[in-house]
Protein backbone atom coordinates (compact mmCIF):
# COMPACT_ATOMS: atom_id res chain seq x y z
CA MET A 1 101.01 98.38 93.82
CA LEU A 2 103.66 95.65 94.06
CA SER A 3 102.60 94.52 90.67
CA LYS A 4 103.07 97.90 89.15
CA MET A 5 106.33 98.10 90.91
CA LYS A 6 107.42 94.61 89.42
CA ASP A 7 106.31 95.87 85.69
CA TRP A 8 108.24 99.27 86.39
CA ALA A 9 111.42 97.13 87.33
CA ARG A 10 110.98 94.77 84.46
CA ASN A 11 110.69 97.78 81.70
CA LEU A 12 113.35 99.49 83.02
CA LYS A 13 115.45 96.23 82.70
CA GLN A 14 114.27 95.75 78.85
CA GLN A 15 115.47 99.42 78.23
CA ILE A 16 118.62 98.85 79.54
CA PHE A 17 119.27 95.63 77.48
CA ILE A 18 118.04 97.93 74.78
CA LEU A 19 120.65 100.51 75.47
CA TYR A 20 123.38 97.72 75.72
CA LEU A 21 122.34 96.25 72.45
CA ALA A 22 122.39 99.92 70.79
CA TYR A 23 125.66 100.95 72.26
CA LYS A 24 127.08 98.33 69.79
CA ASP A 25 125.37 99.78 66.80
CA GLU A 26 127.12 101.73 64.44
CA ARG A 27 123.86 103.84 63.79
CA VAL A 28 124.24 105.43 67.04
CA PRO A 29 126.36 109.01 67.20
CA LEU A 30 129.48 108.94 69.47
CA TYR A 31 128.32 111.30 72.10
CA ALA A 32 125.23 108.99 72.46
CA LYS A 33 127.33 105.99 72.50
CA VAL A 34 129.48 107.35 75.08
CA PHE A 35 126.73 108.50 77.48
CA THR A 36 124.99 105.07 76.90
CA ALA A 37 128.15 103.14 77.63
CA LEU A 38 128.18 104.93 81.19
CA VAL A 39 124.47 104.22 81.73
CA VAL A 40 124.74 100.51 81.02
CA ALA A 41 128.21 100.25 82.81
CA TYR A 42 126.68 101.61 85.88
CA ALA A 43 123.27 99.98 85.88
CA PHE A 44 125.20 96.54 85.09
CA SER A 45 127.89 97.19 87.92
CA PRO A 46 127.53 95.09 91.04
CA ILE A 47 129.05 98.23 92.90
CA ASP A 48 126.93 101.37 93.56
CA LEU A 49 128.45 105.08 93.55
CA ILE A 50 126.51 105.40 96.65
CA PRO A 51 126.29 102.16 98.62
CA ASP A 52 123.06 100.61 99.52
CA PHE A 53 123.78 100.67 103.33
CA ILE A 54 123.79 104.10 103.62
CA PRO A 55 120.39 104.95 104.63
CA ILE A 56 118.14 106.61 102.18
CA LEU A 57 120.93 107.69 99.86
CA GLY A 58 121.95 104.44 98.93
CA TYR A 59 118.80 103.76 97.15
CA LEU A 60 118.34 106.79 95.68
CA ASP A 61 120.88 106.15 92.99
CA ASP A 62 118.97 103.15 92.14
CA LEU A 63 115.75 104.65 91.96
CA ILE A 64 116.50 108.17 90.52
CA LEU A 65 120.08 108.10 88.54
CA VAL A 66 119.74 104.82 86.65
CA PRO A 67 115.97 105.61 85.21
CA LEU A 68 116.91 109.07 84.10
CA GLY A 69 120.12 108.32 82.67
CA VAL A 70 118.04 105.33 80.89
CA MET A 71 115.63 108.04 79.66
CA LEU A 72 118.02 110.62 78.59
CA ALA A 73 120.11 107.97 76.65
CA LEU A 74 117.15 106.31 75.04
CA LYS A 75 116.23 110.30 73.50
CA MET A 76 119.83 110.57 71.92
CA ILE A 77 119.23 106.98 70.13
CA PRO A 78 117.71 107.14 66.93
CA GLU A 79 114.29 105.56 66.76
CA GLU A 80 114.78 102.85 64.00
CA VAL A 81 117.96 101.49 66.25
CA ILE A 82 115.78 101.56 69.51
CA SER A 83 113.14 99.73 67.35
CA ASP A 84 115.74 97.08 66.24
CA CYS A 85 117.30 96.35 69.24
CA LYS A 86 113.95 96.16 71.16
CA ALA A 87 113.49 92.76 69.77
CA LYS A 88 117.13 91.73 70.26
CA ALA A 89 116.68 92.80 73.85
CA GLU A 90 113.43 90.55 74.58
CA GLU A 91 115.73 87.43 73.55
CA ARG A 92 118.46 88.45 75.67
CA MET A 93 116.30 89.36 78.79
CA LYS A 94 115.75 85.42 78.84
CA ASN A 95 119.56 84.80 79.44
CA GLY A 96 119.96 87.26 82.14
CA LYS A 97 122.12 90.40 82.51
CA PRO A 98 125.99 90.83 81.76
CA LYS A 99 128.10 92.22 84.61
CA ASN A 100 130.38 94.95 83.83
CA TRP A 101 133.29 94.14 86.00
CA LEU A 102 135.63 96.80 84.56
CA ALA A 103 132.87 99.80 85.62
CA ALA A 104 132.71 97.96 89.03
CA LEU A 105 136.57 98.07 89.11
CA ILE A 106 136.30 101.98 88.34
CA ILE A 107 133.95 102.52 90.96
CA LEU A 108 135.76 100.35 93.72
CA LEU A 109 139.07 102.56 92.73
CA ILE A 110 137.15 105.90 93.32
CA TRP A 111 135.91 104.72 96.47
CA CYS A 112 139.58 103.64 97.54
CA VAL A 113 140.68 106.97 96.19
CA ILE A 114 138.07 108.69 98.57
CA ALA A 115 138.83 106.72 101.61
CA ALA A 116 142.71 107.26 100.89
CA TRP A 117 142.53 111.27 100.73
CA ILE A 118 140.00 110.91 103.93
CA VAL A 119 142.78 108.96 105.83
CA HIS A 120 145.51 111.16 104.57
CA MET A 121 143.56 114.21 105.75
CA ILE A 122 142.86 112.69 109.01
CA TYR A 123 146.09 111.21 109.84
CA PRO A 124 147.77 114.29 110.95
CA LEU A 125 145.50 115.20 113.37
CA PHE A 126 146.53 112.29 115.43
CA THR A 127 150.01 112.63 115.16
């Protein structure tokens, strides 16, 4: 069972690289590029929308949102682009995945806005 999980994770990682490369391809329609960019940015981001320290929910985004986004993005991209990017992705897999610090910053800002809003709502209760 552990080897199946490792294979699944390795396959998902390869699919994310394929999306990363397909995003840069001019044959991909604009709507697919936008969705693909969001999926790849979220997958490469070191910060999750739902932090992993939150019990159960913290891992649901990694187990459900990322694979679902990858699946939908792959369906939006022409098959010939996916074929071309597959070979490139295998080569890139050897070098490690790039970090998307812009996506991390955006997610961090979202969390800061939520925290500021909560403080703003709670603060009047204590004055």
